[in-house]
């Protein structure tokens, strides 16, 4: 029988955060589909409507939380998949820091876009 290997330490912090973020993402995606596909049909979604939603504190906060959570969940999953494939040593450190910087840039740009959409910055 093949040995099962995972870079996630069972019940460790990264393992736990991966599961918690998955649960949060499922909830936010359910909210998204309900709001933008059943309450407002896709053909009715407009840029101005999106701007109006982003000006609501709850919606804005949910979108920022989604951005940060999805970024962490995706990057953490990719990083651990690479470790599972045998990434070690200097390459592991380089990949880790490239992913950290890319995550920071993605979150910064996402927050900047959200602030613009909410009319907080011009």
C-alpha atoms as a PDB file:
ATOM      1  CA  UNK A   1       0.000   0.000   0.000  1.00  0.00           C
ATOM      2  CA  UNK A   2       1.320   3.443  -0.903  1.00  0.00           C
ATOM      3  CA  UNK A   3       2.343   5.738   1.900  1.00  0.00           C
ATOM      4  CA  UNK A   4       0.162   8.825   2.289  1.00  0.00           C
ATOM      5  CA  UNK A   5       2.128  12.019   2.808  1.00  0.00           C
ATOM      6  CA  UNK A   6       0.849  15.495   3.471  1.00  0.00           C
ATOM      7  CA  UNK A   7       2.826  18.594   4.355  1.00  0.00           C
ATOM      8  CA  UNK A   8      -0.066  19.635   6.578  1.00  0.00           C
ATOM      9  CA  UNK A   9       0.684  18.574  10.115  1.00  0.00           C
ATOM     10  CA  UNK A  10      -2.574  16.895  11.109  1.00  0.00           C
ATOM     11  CA  UNK A  11      -4.473  19.310  13.328  1.00  0.00           C
ATOM     12  CA  UNK A  12      -1.625  21.841  13.040  1.00  0.00           C
ATOM     13  CA  UNK A  13      -2.187  25.566  12.467  1.00  0.00           C
ATOM     14  CA  UNK A  14      -1.952  25.476   8.644  1.00  0.00           C
ATOM     15  CA  UNK A  15      -4.192  22.383   8.544  1.00  0.00           C
ATOM     16  CA  UNK A  16      -6.759  24.116  10.769  1.00  0.00           C
ATOM     17  CA  UNK A  17      -6.657  27.426   8.859  1.00  0.00           C
ATOM     18  CA  UNK A  18      -7.076  25.614   5.539  1.00  0.00           C
ATOM     19  CA  UNK A  19     -10.290  24.022   6.808  1.00  0.00           C
ATOM     20  CA  UNK A  20     -11.651  27.162   8.478  1.00  0.00           C
ATOM     21  CA  UNK A  21     -11.030  29.258   5.362  1.00  0.00           C
ATOM     22  CA  UNK A  22     -12.711  26.576   3.235  1.00  0.00           C
ATOM     23  CA  UNK A  23     -15.850  26.755   5.394  1.00  0.00           C
ATOM     24  CA  UNK A  24     -15.857  30.572   5.219  1.00  0.00           C
ATOM     25  CA  UNK A  25     -15.386  30.514   1.439  1.00  0.00           C
ATOM     26  CA  UNK A  26     -18.286  28.090   0.993  1.00  0.00           C
ATOM     27  CA  UNK A  27     -20.529  30.435   2.984  1.00  0.00           C
ATOM     28  CA  UNK A  28     -19.447  33.562   1.099  1.00  0.00           C
ATOM     29  CA  UNK A  29     -19.801  31.828  -2.270  1.00  0.00           C
ATOM     30  CA  UNK A  30     -23.325  30.727  -1.289  1.00  0.00           C
ATOM     31  CA  UNK A  31     -24.099  34.369  -0.388  1.00  0.00           C
ATOM     32  CA  UNK A  32     -22.611  35.513  -3.718  1.00  0.00           C
ATOM     33  CA  UNK A  33     -24.630  33.056  -5.801  1.00  0.00           C
ATOM     34  CA  UNK A  34     -27.833  33.823  -3.928  1.00  0.00           C
ATOM     35  CA  UNK A  35     -27.422  37.607  -4.219  1.00  0.00           C
ATOM     36  CA  UNK A  36     -26.016  37.867  -7.738  1.00  0.00           C
ATOM     37  CA  UNK A  37     -27.722  34.954  -9.466  1.00  0.00           C
ATOM     38  CA  UNK A  38     -31.120  34.633  -7.789  1.00  0.00           C
ATOM     39  CA  UNK A  39     -31.953  37.965  -6.130  1.00  0.00           C
ATOM     40  CA  UNK A  40     -30.338  39.981  -8.934  1.00  0.00           C
ATOM     41  CA  UNK A  41     -30.018  38.061 -12.155  1.00  0.00           C
ATOM     42  CA  UNK A  42     -26.648  38.204 -13.903  1.00  0.00           C
ATOM     43  CA  UNK A  43     -28.019  40.361 -16.726  1.00  0.00           C
ATOM     44  CA  UNK A  44     -29.111  42.958 -14.134  1.00  0.00           C
ATOM     45  CA  UNK A  45     -25.681  43.282 -12.501  1.00  0.00           C
ATOM     46  CA  UNK A  46     -24.096  46.576 -13.525  1.00  0.00           C
ATOM     47  CA  UNK A  47     -21.018  48.559 -12.595  1.00  0.00           C
ATOM     48  CA  UNK A  48     -23.179  51.187 -10.861  1.00  0.00           C
ATOM     49  CA  UNK A  49     -25.003  48.466  -8.925  1.00  0.00           C
ATOM     50  CA  UNK A  50     -21.688  47.008  -7.839  1.00  0.00           C
ATOM     51  CA  UNK A  51     -20.531  50.432  -6.694  1.00  0.00           C
ATOM     52  CA  UNK A  52     -23.748  50.835  -4.694  1.00  0.00           C
ATOM     53  CA  UNK A  53     -23.278  47.433  -3.006  1.00  0.00           C
ATOM     54  CA  UNK A  54     -19.640  48.236  -2.189  1.00  0.00           C
ATOM     55  CA  UNK A  55     -20.787  51.381  -0.346  1.00  0.00           C
ATOM     56  CA  UNK A  56     -22.662  49.199   2.151  1.00  0.00           C
ATOM     57  CA  UNK A  57     -20.379  48.493   5.119  1.00  0.00           C
ATOM     58  CA  UNK A  58     -21.460  44.860   5.484  1.00  0.00           C
ATOM     59  CA  UNK A  59     -20.996  44.042   1.817  1.00  0.00           C
ATOM     60  CA  UNK A  60     -17.672  45.893   1.657  1.00  0.00           C
ATOM     61  CA  UNK A  61     -16.392  44.052   4.746  1.00  0.00           C
ATOM     62  CA  UNK A  62     -17.551  40.709   3.373  1.00  0.00           C
ATOM     63  CA  UNK A  63     -15.724  41.309   0.091  1.00  0.00           C
ATOM     64  CA  UNK A  64     -12.494  42.309   1.876  1.00  0.00           C
ATOM     65  CA  UNK A  65     -12.756  39.240   4.117  1.00  0.00           C
ATOM     66  CA  UNK A  66     -13.374  37.108   1.027  1.00  0.00           C
ATOM     67  CA  UNK A  67     -10.321  38.592  -0.704  1.00  0.00           C
ATOM     68  CA  UNK A  68      -7.986  37.907   2.230  1.00  0.00           C
ATOM     69  CA  UNK A  69      -9.442  34.473   2.968  1.00  0.00           C
ATOM     70  CA  UNK A  70      -9.402  33.297  -0.656  1.00  0.00           C
ATOM     71  CA  UNK A  71      -5.837  34.537  -1.103  1.00  0.00           C
ATOM     72  CA  UNK A  72      -4.633  32.727   2.009  1.00  0.00           C
ATOM     73  CA  UNK A  73      -6.545  29.551   1.187  1.00  0.00           C
ATOM     74  CA  UNK A  74      -5.290  29.395  -2.391  1.00  0.00           C
ATOM     75  CA  UNK A  75      -1.673  30.261  -1.653  1.00  0.00           C
ATOM     76  CA  UNK A  76      -1.512  27.960   1.371  1.00  0.00           C
ATOM     77  CA  UNK A  77      -2.924  25.129  -0.743  1.00  0.00           C
ATOM     78  CA  UNK A  78      -0.461  25.712  -3.597  1.00  0.00           C
ATOM     79  CA  UNK A  79       2.484  25.964  -1.196  1.00  0.00           C
ATOM     80  CA  UNK A  80       1.568  22.725   0.533  1.00  0.00           C
ATOM     81  CA  UNK A  81       0.970  20.947  -2.781  1.00  0.00           C
ATOM     82  CA  UNK A  82       4.490  21.961  -3.861  1.00  0.00           C
ATOM     83  CA  UNK A  83       5.931  20.689  -0.586  1.00  0.00           C
ATOM     84  CA  UNK A  84       4.051  17.416  -1.116  1.00  0.00           C
ATOM     85  CA  UNK A  85       5.773  17.155  -4.498  1.00  0.00           C
ATOM     86  CA  UNK A  86       9.176  17.305  -2.807  1.00  0.00           C
ATOM     87  CA  UNK A  87      10.052  21.005  -2.701  1.00  0.00           C
ATOM     88  CA  UNK A  88      12.796  21.485  -0.104  1.00  0.00           C
ATOM     89  CA  UNK A  89      15.715  23.665   0.902  1.00  0.00           C
ATOM     90  CA  UNK A  90      16.466  26.946  -0.824  1.00  0.00           C
ATOM     91  CA  UNK A  91      13.800  26.412  -3.480  1.00  0.00           C
ATOM     92  CA  UNK A  92      11.200  25.967  -0.749  1.00  0.00           C
ATOM     93  CA  UNK A  93      12.242  29.264   0.872  1.00  0.00           C
ATOM     94  CA  UNK A  94      12.272  31.122  -2.458  1.00  0.00           C
ATOM     95  CA  UNK A  95       8.822  29.798  -3.393  1.00  0.00           C
ATOM     96  CA  UNK A  96       7.479  30.659   0.064  1.00  0.00           C
ATOM     97  CA  UNK A  97       8.646  34.271  -0.162  1.00  0.00           C
ATOM     98  CA  UNK A  98       7.528  34.686  -3.779  1.00  0.00           C
ATOM     99  CA  UNK A  99       4.059  33.489  -2.722  1.00  0.00           C
ATOM    100  CA  UNK A 100       4.063  35.790   0.322  1.00  0.00           C
ATOM    101  CA  UNK A 101       4.980  38.820  -1.813  1.00  0.00           C
ATOM    102  CA  UNK A 102       2.479  37.873  -4.535  1.00  0.00           C
ATOM    103  CA  UNK A 103      -0.221  37.485  -1.875  1.00  0.00           C
ATOM    104  CA  UNK A 104       0.598  40.905  -0.450  1.00  0.00           C
ATOM    105  CA  UNK A 105       0.418  42.503  -3.895  1.00  0.00           C
ATOM    106  CA  UNK A 106      -2.874  40.738  -4.664  1.00  0.00           C
ATOM    107  CA  UNK A 107      -4.440  41.818  -1.369  1.00  0.00           C
ATOM    108  CA  UNK A 108      -3.150  45.398  -1.696  1.00  0.00           C
ATOM    109  CA  UNK A 109      -4.531  45.701  -5.239  1.00  0.00           C
ATOM    110  CA  UNK A 110      -7.827  44.095  -4.203  1.00  0.00           C
ATOM    111  CA  UNK A 111      -8.252  46.469  -1.256  1.00  0.00           C
ATOM    112  CA  UNK A 112      -7.327  49.423  -3.469  1.00  0.00           C
ATOM    113  CA  UNK A 113      -9.958  48.361  -6.010  1.00  0.00           C
ATOM    114  CA  UNK A 114     -12.565  47.842  -3.275  1.00  0.00           C
ATOM    115  CA  UNK A 115     -11.835  51.285  -1.803  1.00  0.00           C
ATOM    116  CA  UNK A 116     -12.212  52.815  -5.255  1.00  0.00           C
ATOM    117  CA  UNK A 117     -15.452  50.911  -5.922  1.00  0.00           C
ATOM    118  CA  UNK A 118     -16.834  52.086  -2.562  1.00  0.00           C
ATOM    119  CA  UNK A 119     -15.983  55.695  -3.395  1.00  0.00           C
ATOM    120  CA  UNK A 120     -13.587  55.986  -0.464  1.00  0.00           C
ATOM    121  CA  UNK A 121     -10.650  56.893  -2.734  1.00  0.00           C
ATOM    122  CA  UNK A 122     -10.694  58.492  -6.152  1.00  0.00           C
END
